[in-house]
Every structure is written in C-alpha cells, then in structure tokens.
Amino acid sequence: MGAWFSVDVELDVDLGPAAVSDDLRATVDYGAVAARVVEVCTRERVNLLERLAGGLAQTLLGEFPCRQVRVRVRKLTPPMEGLHATPGVEVTRER
C-alpha cells in the first residue's frame, strides 16, 4: 500500500558562475535533481519519513555539486484517523 508524498529540496550552490555565464553547465540542472528525487523516492518502499528524507539528502549531496542540502518530506495521505495536518520531517546534510 503506497502513500502520496510531497518532497521539497533546497541545494546550497554557488550561483555566481551561472549568473555571469548564463550556461547550464555552470550550475546544477534542477531537472536532473527532480528526476533523481523521483527515482530515489520510488525505488524501494520505506516505513519512515526520516529514512526517506535522510537517504535522499545523502544521495543528492553525493551526486550534485552543492555545499548543503535540505530535504522536507511530507505525507499527504497519512493513515491516521482524526489527523487534519500533514506530518513531515526535514533534514539537512552538508559537506
């Protein structure tokens, strides 16, 4: 039984070179980041939001040229009766 999640990712990247050059190669391709997020989040079933967020943060930090990554994962359809909020976690990892 799957669940719907919302994932927000923030990468701390030096944007100076891209701002000057207007060249995608001088920055992080956020399309590639988004594709990697989808891949990681759908690859295997996990029980805890903490595990999903932590694994995603480590993957992104290891694969993209950023100093720090912040990942927020929220469960949009929590199976908890009477809950009218969106439970979630946030993790930050850095080099």
C-alpha atoms as a PDB file:
ATOM      1  CA  MET A   1       0.000   0.000   0.000  1.00  0.00           C
ATOM      2  CA  GLY A   2       1.640   3.194  -1.154  1.00  0.00           C
ATOM      3  CA  ALA A   3       1.261   6.744   0.034  1.00  0.00           C
ATOM      4  CA  TRP A   4       1.468  10.167  -1.571  1.00  0.00           C
ATOM      5  CA  PHE A   5       4.386  12.370  -0.556  1.00  0.00           C
ATOM      6  CA  SER A   6       5.460  15.931  -1.098  1.00  0.00           C
ATOM      7  CA  VAL A   7       9.207  16.488  -1.340  1.00  0.00           C
ATOM      8  CA  ASP A   8      10.943  19.865  -1.173  1.00  0.00           C
ATOM      9  CA  VAL A   9      14.663  20.093  -1.841  1.00  0.00           C
ATOM     10  CA  GLU A  10      16.985  23.057  -1.314  1.00  0.00           C
ATOM     11  CA  LEU A  11      20.567  22.923  -2.533  1.00  0.00           C
ATOM     12  CA  ASP A  12      23.170  25.417  -1.365  1.00  0.00           C
ATOM     13  CA  VAL A  13      25.058  26.120  -4.591  1.00  0.00           C
ATOM     14  CA  ASP A  14      27.390  28.914  -5.703  1.00  0.00           C
ATOM     15  CA  LEU A  15      25.268  30.595  -8.389  1.00  0.00           C
ATOM     16  CA  GLY A  16      27.873  33.213  -9.306  1.00  0.00           C
ATOM     17  CA  PRO A  17      29.367  31.424 -12.318  1.00  0.00           C
ATOM     18  CA  ALA A  18      25.939  30.687 -13.827  1.00  0.00           C
ATOM     19  CA  ALA A  19      24.750  34.239 -13.228  1.00  0.00           C
ATOM     20  CA  VAL A  20      27.706  35.538 -15.225  1.00  0.00           C
ATOM     21  CA  SER A  21      27.813  32.921 -17.989  1.00  0.00           C
ATOM     22  CA  ASP A  22      24.125  32.015 -18.463  1.00  0.00           C
ATOM     23  CA  ASP A  23      25.408  28.466 -19.050  1.00  0.00           C
ATOM     24  CA  LEU A  24      23.624  25.446 -17.588  1.00  0.00           C
ATOM     25  CA  ARG A  25      26.965  23.664 -17.217  1.00  0.00           C
ATOM     26  CA  ALA A  26      27.949  26.309 -14.636  1.00  0.00           C
ATOM     27  CA  THR A  27      25.179  25.352 -12.214  1.00  0.00           C
ATOM     28  CA  VAL A  28      23.026  22.442 -11.075  1.00  0.00           C
ATOM     29  CA  ASP A  29      20.420  21.212 -13.535  1.00  0.00           C
ATOM     30  CA  TYR A  30      17.273  21.180 -11.414  1.00  0.00           C
ATOM     31  CA  GLY A  31      15.604  18.904 -13.944  1.00  0.00           C
ATOM     32  CA  ALA A  32      18.273  16.306 -13.174  1.00  0.00           C
ATOM     33  CA  VAL A  33      17.746  16.873  -9.440  1.00  0.00           C
ATOM     34  CA  ALA A  34      13.984  16.396  -9.806  1.00  0.00           C
ATOM     35  CA  ALA A  35      14.467  13.199 -11.820  1.00  0.00           C
ATOM     36  CA  ARG A  36      16.818  11.836  -9.162  1.00  0.00           C
ATOM     37  CA  VAL A  37      14.324  12.699  -6.405  1.00  0.00           C
ATOM     38  CA  VAL A  38      11.578  10.758  -8.204  1.00  0.00           C
ATOM     39  CA  GLU A  39      13.916   7.812  -8.788  1.00  0.00           C
ATOM     40  CA  VAL A  40      15.038   7.609  -5.167  1.00  0.00           C
ATOM     41  CA  CYS A  41      11.524   8.071  -3.785  1.00  0.00           C
ATOM     42  CA  THR A  42      10.038   5.329  -5.946  1.00  0.00           C
ATOM     43  CA  ARG A  43      12.919   2.832  -5.895  1.00  0.00           C
ATOM     44  CA  GLU A  44      12.040   0.977  -2.709  1.00  0.00           C
ATOM     45  CA  ARG A  45       9.417   1.008  -0.020  1.00  0.00           C
ATOM     46  CA  VAL A  46      10.362   2.660   3.271  1.00  0.00           C
ATOM     47  CA  ASN A  47       8.443   2.816   6.521  1.00  0.00           C
ATOM     48  CA  LEU A  48       9.719   6.097   7.933  1.00  0.00           C
ATOM     49  CA  LEU A  49       9.739   9.601   6.518  1.00  0.00           C
ATOM     50  CA  GLU A  50      13.049  10.030   8.328  1.00  0.00           C
ATOM     51  CA  ARG A  51      14.676   7.274   6.306  1.00  0.00           C
ATOM     52  CA  LEU A  52      13.359   8.607   3.020  1.00  0.00           C
ATOM     53  CA  ALA A  53      14.470  12.174   3.760  1.00  0.00           C
ATOM     54  CA  GLY A  54      17.883  11.126   5.079  1.00  0.00           C
ATOM     55  CA  GLY A  55      18.614   8.812   2.168  1.00  0.00           C
ATOM     56  CA  LEU A  56      17.506  11.382  -0.352  1.00  0.00           C
ATOM     57  CA  ALA A  57      19.651  14.077   1.263  1.00  0.00           C
ATOM     58  CA  GLN A  58      22.743  11.853   1.234  1.00  0.00           C
ATOM     59  CA  THR A  59      22.164  10.867  -2.394  1.00  0.00           C
ATOM     60  CA  LEU A  60      21.775  14.452  -3.591  1.00  0.00           C
ATOM     61  CA  LEU A  61      24.751  15.676  -1.584  1.00  0.00           C
ATOM     62  CA  GLY A  62      26.883  12.920  -3.074  1.00  0.00           C
ATOM     63  CA  GLU A  63      25.787  13.405  -6.677  1.00  0.00           C
ATOM     64  CA  PHE A  64      25.426  17.162  -7.138  1.00  0.00           C
ATOM     65  CA  PRO A  65      27.939  19.984  -6.564  1.00  0.00           C
ATOM     66  CA  CYS A  66      26.355  21.604  -3.526  1.00  0.00           C
ATOM     67  CA  ARG A  67      27.652  22.570  -0.101  1.00  0.00           C
ATOM     68  CA  GLN A  68      24.478  21.688   1.733  1.00  0.00           C
ATOM     69  CA  VAL A  69      21.125  20.054   1.028  1.00  0.00           C
ATOM     70  CA  ARG A  70      17.853  20.418   2.902  1.00  0.00           C
ATOM     71  CA  VAL A  71      15.066  17.902   2.273  1.00  0.00           C
ATOM     72  CA  ARG A  72      11.497  18.149   3.542  1.00  0.00           C
ATOM     73  CA  VAL A  73       9.196  15.156   3.105  1.00  0.00           C
ATOM     74  CA  ARG A  74       5.507  15.337   3.976  1.00  0.00           C
ATOM     75  CA  LYS A  75       2.993  12.507   3.885  1.00  0.00           C
ATOM     76  CA  LEU A  76      -0.063  13.855   2.068  1.00  0.00           C
ATOM     77  CA  THR A  77      -2.363  10.929   2.867  1.00  0.00           C
ATOM     78  CA  PRO A  78      -1.469   9.787   6.393  1.00  0.00           C
ATOM     79  CA  PRO A  79      -3.387   6.698   7.533  1.00  0.00           C
ATOM     80  CA  MET A  80      -4.262   8.243  10.888  1.00  0.00           C
ATOM     81  CA  GLU A  81      -7.853   8.806  11.821  1.00  0.00           C
ATOM     82  CA  GLY A  82      -8.642  12.275  13.085  1.00  0.00           C
ATOM     83  CA  LEU A  83      -5.401  13.835  11.829  1.00  0.00           C
ATOM     84  CA  HIS A  84      -6.086  17.025   9.928  1.00  0.00           C
ATOM     85  CA  ALA A  85      -2.493  18.070   9.382  1.00  0.00           C
ATOM     86  CA  THR A  86       0.307  16.962   7.105  1.00  0.00           C
ATOM     87  CA  PRO A  87       3.027  15.121   9.045  1.00  0.00           C
ATOM     88  CA  GLY A  88       6.545  15.589   7.805  1.00  0.00           C
ATOM     89  CA  VAL A  89      10.237  15.742   8.548  1.00  0.00           C
ATOM     90  CA  GLU A  90      13.111  17.965   7.485  1.00  0.00           C
ATOM     91  CA  VAL A  91      16.777  17.016   7.370  1.00  0.00           C
ATOM     92  CA  THR A  92      19.870  19.000   6.483  1.00  0.00           C
ATOM     93  CA  ARG A  93      23.183  17.486   5.413  1.00  0.00           C
ATOM     94  CA  GLU A  94      26.378  19.265   4.476  1.00  0.00           C
ATOM     95  CA  ARG A  95      29.870  18.522   3.300  1.00  0.00           C
END
